[in-house]
Amino acid sequence: MKKVLLILLTSLNLAAVAQTDSVRVIQADRDTVKIASYANRYDPRKALLYAAVLPGLGQVYNKKYWKLPLVYGGIGATAYAINFYQDGYRLYRRELFFNLDNNLAQDTQVNPNTGYTTSQLRTIVDRYRRERDFMIIIMMGVYILQMVDAHVDSHLKEFDLNPNLQVRIEPSFSNELLTGRMGGISLKIRF
């Protein structure tokens, strides 16, 4: 029995050396065999750490390079929106302070530079500040979402899909007593 086990372990070890993506034997004692698989190469914690340090690095670690434009596109779009609203906030806040320094009345006198009254400028400044803060929250959401994506993608790297799984969209026809003939589209899932 020991000879058969030794031959089996040797053949597993040779197969593991020949194919690096399959199962490989890490440690072989007399009674137990410790086996490492392809799934252990992708550590979810490491992917999460990489994504936290540099956005998109977790996707690179998982070899999902097509997600990089999505990550940097989301961060770039929100950074552009933050900059836009911050510039508007600064501009209209400066004009609001001009109105307040020159004692322009709330609703009667208009700022010569912008054509807005003091109460209108207060509303505009509040809107730009609120939108800027909202875009900062959106950017934090994109950052956290890419971290979660890297972590989950690393977990699902070795998820085995059923080869018989099929999803199809087909036309469907029915003849009901109350409604008569009907046509439509059906989604068919086969497990």
Protein backbone atom coordinates (compact mmCIF):
# COMPACT_ATOMS: atom_id res chain seq x y z
CA MET A 1 0.00 0.00 0.00
CA LYS A 2 2.84 2.40 0.82
CA LYS A 3 4.45 1.73 -2.56
CA VAL A 4 1.22 2.56 -4.38
CA LEU A 5 0.87 5.78 -2.39
CA LEU A 6 4.50 6.70 -3.13
CA ILE A 7 3.99 6.07 -6.87
CA LEU A 8 0.80 8.11 -6.80
CA LEU A 9 2.51 11.01 -5.02
CA THR A 10 5.44 10.90 -7.42
CA SER A 11 3.15 10.97 -10.44
CA LEU A 12 1.16 13.86 -8.95
CA ASN A 13 4.38 15.74 -8.30
CA LEU A 14 5.59 15.16 -11.87
CA ALA A 15 2.23 16.27 -13.25
CA ALA A 16 2.32 19.35 -11.07
CA VAL A 17 5.79 20.25 -12.31
CA ALA A 18 4.78 19.73 -15.92
CA GLN A 19 1.62 21.83 -15.64
CA THR A 20 1.94 24.92 -13.50
CA ASP A 21 -1.77 25.83 -13.71
CA SER A 22 -3.05 22.55 -12.32
CA VAL A 23 -2.78 21.00 -8.87
CA ARG A 24 0.67 20.80 -7.30
CA VAL A 25 1.91 18.99 -4.20
CA ILE A 26 3.36 21.31 -1.59
CA GLN A 27 4.21 18.96 1.24
CA ALA A 28 4.08 15.19 1.35
CA ASP A 29 4.33 13.48 4.73
CA ARG A 30 3.81 9.83 5.43
CA ASP A 31 0.07 10.09 6.01
CA THR A 32 -1.08 13.39 4.52
CA VAL A 33 -0.63 15.26 1.30
CA LYS A 34 -1.06 19.03 1.21
CA ILE A 35 -2.24 20.22 -2.18
CA ALA A 36 -2.29 23.78 -3.48
CA SER A 37 -4.47 24.75 -6.38
CA TYR A 38 -4.63 27.48 -8.97
CA ALA A 39 -7.09 29.41 -6.79
CA ASN A 40 -4.50 30.03 -4.09
CA ARG A 41 -2.43 32.13 -6.47
CA TYR A 42 -5.02 34.91 -6.35
CA ASP A 43 -5.26 36.12 -2.77
CA PRO A 44 -8.37 38.29 -2.26
CA ARG A 45 -6.74 40.24 0.56
CA LYS A 46 -3.77 41.05 -1.62
CA ALA A 47 -6.05 42.22 -4.45
CA LEU A 48 -7.94 44.42 -1.97
CA LEU A 49 -4.71 45.89 -0.63
CA TYR A 50 -3.40 46.62 -4.12
CA ALA A 51 -6.68 48.29 -5.09
CA ALA A 52 -6.60 50.37 -1.91
CA VAL A 53 -3.02 51.55 -2.52
CA LEU A 54 -3.48 52.44 -6.19
CA PRO A 55 -6.88 52.36 -7.91
CA GLY A 56 -6.88 49.75 -10.66
CA LEU A 57 -3.90 47.82 -9.33
CA GLY A 58 -6.20 45.13 -7.92
CA GLN A 59 -7.70 44.66 -11.38
CA VAL A 60 -4.18 44.33 -12.83
CA TYR A 61 -3.37 41.76 -10.14
CA ASN A 62 -6.45 39.76 -11.19
CA LYS A 63 -5.45 40.14 -14.85
CA LYS A 64 -8.65 42.02 -15.72
CA TYR A 65 -6.97 44.74 -17.74
CA TRP A 66 -10.18 45.73 -19.53
CA LYS A 67 -11.50 47.19 -16.26
CA LEU A 68 -8.73 49.81 -16.01
CA PRO A 69 -10.41 52.31 -18.38
CA LEU A 70 -13.61 51.95 -16.36
CA VAL A 71 -11.84 52.63 -13.06
CA TYR A 72 -9.84 55.60 -14.31
CA GLY A 73 -12.75 56.86 -16.40
CA GLY A 74 -14.97 56.96 -13.31
CA ILE A 75 -12.31 58.63 -11.19
CA GLY A 76 -11.44 61.08 -13.98
CA ALA A 77 -15.06 62.02 -14.64
CA THR A 78 -15.77 62.68 -10.99
CA ALA A 79 -12.51 64.62 -10.61
CA TYR A 80 -13.53 66.80 -13.58
CA ALA A 81 -16.96 67.40 -12.03
CA ILE A 82 -15.40 68.28 -8.66
CA ASN A 83 -13.09 70.78 -10.35
CA PHE A 84 -15.98 72.29 -12.34
CA TYR A 85 -18.17 72.81 -9.28
CA GLN A 86 -15.25 74.09 -7.19
CA ASP A 87 -14.43 76.73 -9.84
CA GLY A 88 -18.08 77.85 -9.97
CA TYR A 89 -18.24 77.91 -6.18
CA ARG A 90 -15.16 80.15 -5.95
CA LEU A 91 -16.37 82.50 -8.70
CA TYR A 92 -19.86 83.05 -7.31
CA ARG A 93 -18.65 83.20 -3.71
CA ARG A 94 -16.29 86.01 -4.73
CA GLU A 95 -19.20 87.84 -6.35
CA LEU A 96 -21.34 87.27 -3.25
CA PHE A 97 -18.63 88.81 -1.08
CA PHE A 98 -18.48 91.73 -3.54
CA ASN A 99 -22.22 92.29 -3.00
CA LEU A 100 -21.86 92.06 0.76
CA ASP A 101 -18.82 94.41 0.88
CA ASN A 102 -20.56 97.03 -1.27
CA ASN A 103 -23.82 96.86 0.76
CA LEU A 104 -26.00 95.86 -2.18
CA ALA A 105 -29.55 95.16 -0.97
CA GLN A 106 -30.88 91.62 -0.90
CA ASP A 107 -33.36 91.70 -3.78
CA THR A 108 -33.29 95.17 -5.28
CA GLN A 109 -29.74 95.88 -6.42
CA VAL A 110 -27.97 93.71 -8.98
CA ASN A 111 -24.28 92.84 -9.08
CA PRO A 112 -22.76 94.66 -12.10
CA ASN A 113 -20.40 91.75 -12.90
CA THR A 114 -22.91 88.87 -12.96
CA GLY A 115 -26.38 90.40 -13.06
CA TYR A 116 -27.53 88.50 -9.95
CA THR A 117 -28.87 89.81 -6.67
CA THR A 118 -27.38 88.85 -3.31
CA SER A 119 -30.07 86.27 -2.52
CA GLN A 120 -29.65 84.70 -5.97
CA LEU A 121 -25.89 84.53 -5.45
CA ARG A 122 -26.39 82.82 -2.06
CA THR A 123 -28.55 80.19 -3.74
CA ILE A 124 -26.02 79.66 -6.54
CA VAL A 125 -23.12 79.37 -4.09
CA ASP A 126 -25.06 76.82 -2.01
CA ARG A 127 -25.90 74.80 -5.12
CA TYR A 128 -22.30 74.68 -6.36
CA ARG A 129 -21.03 73.69 -2.89
CA ARG A 130 -23.67 70.97 -2.56
CA GLU A 131 -22.91 69.55 -6.02
CA ARG A 132 -19.16 69.60 -5.34
CA ASP A 133 -19.65 67.73 -2.07
CA PHE A 134 -21.92 65.22 -3.80
CA MET A 135 -19.27 64.57 -6.46
CA ILE A 136 -16.69 63.98 -3.72
CA ILE A 137 -19.00 61.33 -2.25
CA ILE A 138 -19.43 59.81 -5.73
CA MET A 139 -15.63 59.65 -6.15
CA MET A 140 -15.29 57.86 -2.82
CA GLY A 141 -17.98 55.44 -4.02
CA VAL A 142 -16.07 54.73 -7.25
CA TYR A 143 -12.89 54.16 -5.20
CA ILE A 144 -14.64 51.73 -2.84
CA LEU A 145 -16.43 50.02 -5.73
CA GLN A 146 -13.16 49.27 -7.53
CA MET A 147 -11.74 47.85 -4.29
CA VAL A 148 -14.78 45.60 -3.84
CA ASP A 149 -14.58 44.56 -7.50
CA ALA A 150 -10.94 43.50 -7.13
CA HIS A 151 -11.70 41.57 -3.96
CA VAL A 152 -14.75 39.75 -5.35
CA ASP A 153 -13.09 39.07 -8.69
CA SER A 154 -10.16 37.47 -6.90
CA HIS A 155 -12.57 35.26 -4.93
CA LEU A 156 -14.39 34.18 -8.10
CA LYS A 157 -11.25 33.51 -10.12
CA GLU A 158 -11.70 29.77 -9.86
CA PHE A 159 -15.49 29.67 -9.86
CA ASP A 160 -16.55 26.72 -11.93
CA LEU A 161 -19.37 27.39 -14.37
CA ASN A 162 -21.67 24.67 -15.60
CA PRO A 163 -20.89 24.12 -19.31
CA ASN A 164 -24.57 23.31 -19.95
CA LEU A 165 -25.72 26.71 -18.69
CA GLN A 166 -27.54 28.53 -21.48
CA VAL A 167 -29.45 31.79 -21.62
CA ARG A 168 -31.48 32.56 -24.72
CA ILE A 169 -33.97 35.18 -25.77
CA GLU A 170 -36.63 33.71 -28.04
CA PRO A 171 -39.92 34.87 -29.50
CA SER A 172 -42.92 33.48 -27.71
CA PHE A 173 -46.49 33.00 -28.87
CA SER A 174 -49.52 32.07 -26.81
CA ASN A 175 -53.19 31.60 -27.43
CA GLU A 176 -55.25 32.45 -24.34
CA LEU A 177 -58.99 32.20 -24.01
CA LEU A 178 -59.52 35.71 -22.60
CA THR A 179 -56.83 37.69 -24.41
CA GLY A 180 -56.60 35.79 -27.66
CA ARG A 181 -53.37 35.37 -29.60
CA MET A 182 -50.37 37.15 -28.12
CA GLY A 183 -46.76 37.44 -29.13
CA GLY A 184 -43.78 38.45 -27.08
CA ILE A 185 -40.23 37.71 -26.05
CA SER A 186 -39.21 35.09 -23.51
CA LEU A 187 -35.97 34.64 -21.62
CA LYS A 188 -35.11 30.94 -21.34
CA ILE A 189 -32.51 29.77 -18.84
CA ARG A 190 -31.28 26.19 -19.03
CA PHE A 191 -29.24 24.76 -16.15
